[in-house]
Amino acid sequence: MSTPRTSDSGARILRVLKALKGYSLTGISNGELAKGLGESPANINRAINTLIAEGLAVKLDNGRFAPSVALLQIAQAHANEMSTAQHRINEINQRVLAGASR
């Protein structure tokens, strides 16, 4: 079985996206991203510009970069889905436990 081929620039964009985690309020600078990811500032700039164009990142007033509201909405939708699923599991478990005590 062969390994799927990946695009270097695509992988870089995804690494930058993941590096934005935890910076929703303060943002992170191009230089910090470049140093943390071992990339050139020019490569980070291209990646972050792609994320901004796709609505997944924003440039804050302080010049730093952060996840966009759209990206945070994706994360929130996932959290909501997991919460709903957990609620359903809990209901089933309660029914099972109630039936077991009879």
C-alpha atoms as a PDB file:
ATOM      1  CA  MET A   1       0.000   0.000   0.000  1.00  0.00           C
ATOM      2  CA  SER A   2       1.478   3.355  -0.979  1.00  0.00           C
ATOM      3  CA  THR A   3       1.466   6.433   1.211  1.00  0.00           C
ATOM      4  CA  PRO A   4      -0.663   9.324   0.004  1.00  0.00           C
ATOM      5  CA  ARG A   5       1.282  12.237  -1.423  1.00  0.00           C
ATOM      6  CA  THR A   6       0.874  15.557   0.321  1.00  0.00           C
ATOM      7  CA  SER A   7       1.560  19.064  -0.826  1.00  0.00           C
ATOM      8  CA  ASP A   8       4.380  20.769   1.065  1.00  0.00           C
ATOM      9  CA  SER A   9       2.520  24.078   0.988  1.00  0.00           C
ATOM     10  CA  GLY A  10      -0.733  22.414   2.006  1.00  0.00           C
ATOM     11  CA  ALA A  11       0.960  20.714   4.944  1.00  0.00           C
ATOM     12  CA  ARG A  12       2.597  24.020   5.920  1.00  0.00           C
ATOM     13  CA  ILE A  13      -0.777  25.787   5.858  1.00  0.00           C
ATOM     14  CA  LEU A  14      -2.242  23.122   8.138  1.00  0.00           C
ATOM     15  CA  ARG A  15       0.718  23.369  10.529  1.00  0.00           C
ATOM     16  CA  VAL A  16       0.194  27.140  10.736  1.00  0.00           C
ATOM     17  CA  LEU A  17      -3.522  26.607  11.336  1.00  0.00           C
ATOM     18  CA  LYS A  18      -2.771  24.209  14.200  1.00  0.00           C
ATOM     19  CA  ALA A  19      -0.206  26.656  15.624  1.00  0.00           C
ATOM     20  CA  LEU A  20      -2.945  29.304  15.998  1.00  0.00           C
ATOM     21  CA  LYS A  21      -4.531  27.187  18.759  1.00  0.00           C
ATOM     22  CA  GLY A  22      -4.556  29.088  22.017  1.00  0.00           C
ATOM     23  CA  TYR A  23      -4.096  32.501  20.427  1.00  0.00           C
ATOM     24  CA  SER A  24      -7.713  33.567  19.874  1.00  0.00           C
ATOM     25  CA  LEU A  25      -7.408  36.662  22.061  1.00  0.00           C
ATOM     26  CA  THR A  26      -3.770  37.736  21.870  1.00  0.00           C
ATOM     27  CA  GLY A  27      -2.755  36.383  18.476  1.00  0.00           C
ATOM     28  CA  ILE A  28       0.700  35.199  17.475  1.00  0.00           C
ATOM     29  CA  SER A  29       3.228  37.011  15.301  1.00  0.00           C
ATOM     30  CA  ASN A  30       4.632  35.901  11.977  1.00  0.00           C
ATOM     31  CA  GLY A  31       8.077  35.662  13.591  1.00  0.00           C
ATOM     32  CA  GLU A  32       6.808  33.500  16.440  1.00  0.00           C
ATOM     33  CA  LEU A  33       5.074  31.194  13.972  1.00  0.00           C
ATOM     34  CA  ALA A  34       8.199  30.992  11.795  1.00  0.00           C
ATOM     35  CA  LYS A  35      10.442  30.189  14.763  1.00  0.00           C
ATOM     36  CA  GLY A  36       8.021  27.691  16.281  1.00  0.00           C
ATOM     37  CA  LEU A  37       7.455  25.851  13.016  1.00  0.00           C
ATOM     38  CA  GLY A  38      10.996  26.086  11.665  1.00  0.00           C
ATOM     39  CA  GLU A  39       9.818  27.945   8.572  1.00  0.00           C
ATOM     40  CA  SER A  40      10.865  31.180   6.905  1.00  0.00           C
ATOM     41  CA  PRO A  41       8.734  34.265   7.618  1.00  0.00           C
ATOM     42  CA  ALA A  42       7.959  34.417   3.870  1.00  0.00           C
ATOM     43  CA  ASN A  43       6.536  30.874   3.926  1.00  0.00           C
ATOM     44  CA  ILE A  44       4.501  31.701   7.036  1.00  0.00           C
ATOM     45  CA  ASN A  45       3.211  34.843   5.349  1.00  0.00           C
ATOM     46  CA  ARG A  46       2.012  32.858   2.320  1.00  0.00           C
ATOM     47  CA  ALA A  47       0.365  30.241   4.543  1.00  0.00           C
ATOM     48  CA  ILE A  48      -1.348  32.773   6.803  1.00  0.00           C
ATOM     49  CA  ASN A  49      -2.570  34.754   3.790  1.00  0.00           C
ATOM     50  CA  THR A  50      -4.168  31.574   2.424  1.00  0.00           C
ATOM     51  CA  LEU A  51      -5.861  30.948   5.788  1.00  0.00           C
ATOM     52  CA  ILE A  52      -7.115  34.544   5.883  1.00  0.00           C
ATOM     53  CA  ALA A  53      -8.395  34.304   2.287  1.00  0.00           C
ATOM     54  CA  GLU A  54     -10.260  31.113   3.205  1.00  0.00           C
ATOM     55  CA  GLY A  55     -11.768  32.726   6.303  1.00  0.00           C
ATOM     56  CA  LEU A  56      -9.936  30.511   8.821  1.00  0.00           C
ATOM     57  CA  ALA A  57      -7.587  33.137  10.302  1.00  0.00           C
ATOM     58  CA  VAL A  58      -7.606  36.883  10.913  1.00  0.00           C
ATOM     59  CA  LYS A  59      -5.034  39.604  11.422  1.00  0.00           C
ATOM     60  CA  LEU A  60      -5.754  41.379  14.704  1.00  0.00           C
ATOM     61  CA  ASP A  61      -5.434  45.125  15.275  1.00  0.00           C
ATOM     62  CA  ASN A  62      -2.117  44.451  17.040  1.00  0.00           C
ATOM     63  CA  GLY A  63      -0.732  42.916  13.805  1.00  0.00           C
ATOM     64  CA  ARG A  64      -0.750  39.385  15.181  1.00  0.00           C
ATOM     65  CA  PHE A  65      -2.681  36.423  13.772  1.00  0.00           C
ATOM     66  CA  ALA A  66      -5.502  34.461  15.372  1.00  0.00           C
ATOM     67  CA  PRO A  67      -8.132  31.867  14.492  1.00  0.00           C
ATOM     68  CA  SER A  68     -11.163  33.446  12.829  1.00  0.00           C
ATOM     69  CA  VAL A  69     -14.687  33.407  14.179  1.00  0.00           C
ATOM     70  CA  ALA A  70     -15.571  30.959  11.378  1.00  0.00           C
ATOM     71  CA  LEU A  71     -12.896  28.526  12.584  1.00  0.00           C
ATOM     72  CA  LEU A  72     -14.055  28.903  16.172  1.00  0.00           C
ATOM     73  CA  GLN A  73     -17.616  28.212  14.999  1.00  0.00           C
ATOM     74  CA  ILE A  74     -16.416  24.928  13.492  1.00  0.00           C
ATOM     75  CA  ALA A  75     -14.822  24.009  16.815  1.00  0.00           C
ATOM     76  CA  GLN A  76     -17.981  25.014  18.704  1.00  0.00           C
ATOM     77  CA  ALA A  77     -20.182  22.966  16.385  1.00  0.00           C
ATOM     78  CA  HIS A  78     -17.998  19.930  17.116  1.00  0.00           C
ATOM     79  CA  ALA A  79     -18.223  20.567  20.867  1.00  0.00           C
ATOM     80  CA  ASN A  80     -22.014  20.896  20.603  1.00  0.00           C
ATOM     81  CA  GLU A  81     -22.270  17.649  18.638  1.00  0.00           C
ATOM     82  CA  MET A  82     -20.166  15.797  21.210  1.00  0.00           C
ATOM     83  CA  SER A  83     -22.231  17.257  24.061  1.00  0.00           C
ATOM     84  CA  THR A  84     -25.472  16.122  22.423  1.00  0.00           C
ATOM     85  CA  ALA A  85     -24.024  12.654  21.855  1.00  0.00           C
ATOM     86  CA  GLN A  86     -22.844  12.461  25.474  1.00  0.00           C
ATOM     87  CA  HIS A  87     -26.300  13.513  26.676  1.00  0.00           C
ATOM     88  CA  ARG A  88     -27.881  10.708  24.629  1.00  0.00           C
ATOM     89  CA  ILE A  89     -25.372   8.182  25.985  1.00  0.00           C
ATOM     90  CA  ASN A  90     -26.097   9.325  29.544  1.00  0.00           C
ATOM     91  CA  GLU A  91     -29.858   8.919  28.977  1.00  0.00           C
ATOM     92  CA  ILE A  92     -29.368   5.364  27.703  1.00  0.00           C
ATOM     93  CA  ASN A  93     -27.095   4.525  30.633  1.00  0.00           C
ATOM     94  CA  GLN A  94     -29.707   5.864  33.063  1.00  0.00           C
ATOM     95  CA  ARG A  95     -32.369   3.665  31.450  1.00  0.00           C
ATOM     96  CA  VAL A  96     -30.076   0.639  31.636  1.00  0.00           C
ATOM     97  CA  LEU A  97     -29.311   1.304  35.299  1.00  0.00           C
ATOM     98  CA  ALA A  98     -32.990   1.854  36.093  1.00  0.00           C
ATOM     99  CA  GLY A  99     -33.865  -1.451  34.422  1.00  0.00           C
ATOM    100  CA  ALA A 100     -31.111  -3.284  36.263  1.00  0.00           C
ATOM    101  CA  SER A 101     -32.467  -2.301  39.670  1.00  0.00           C
ATOM    102  CA  ARG A 102     -35.874  -3.892  39.084  1.00  0.00           C
END
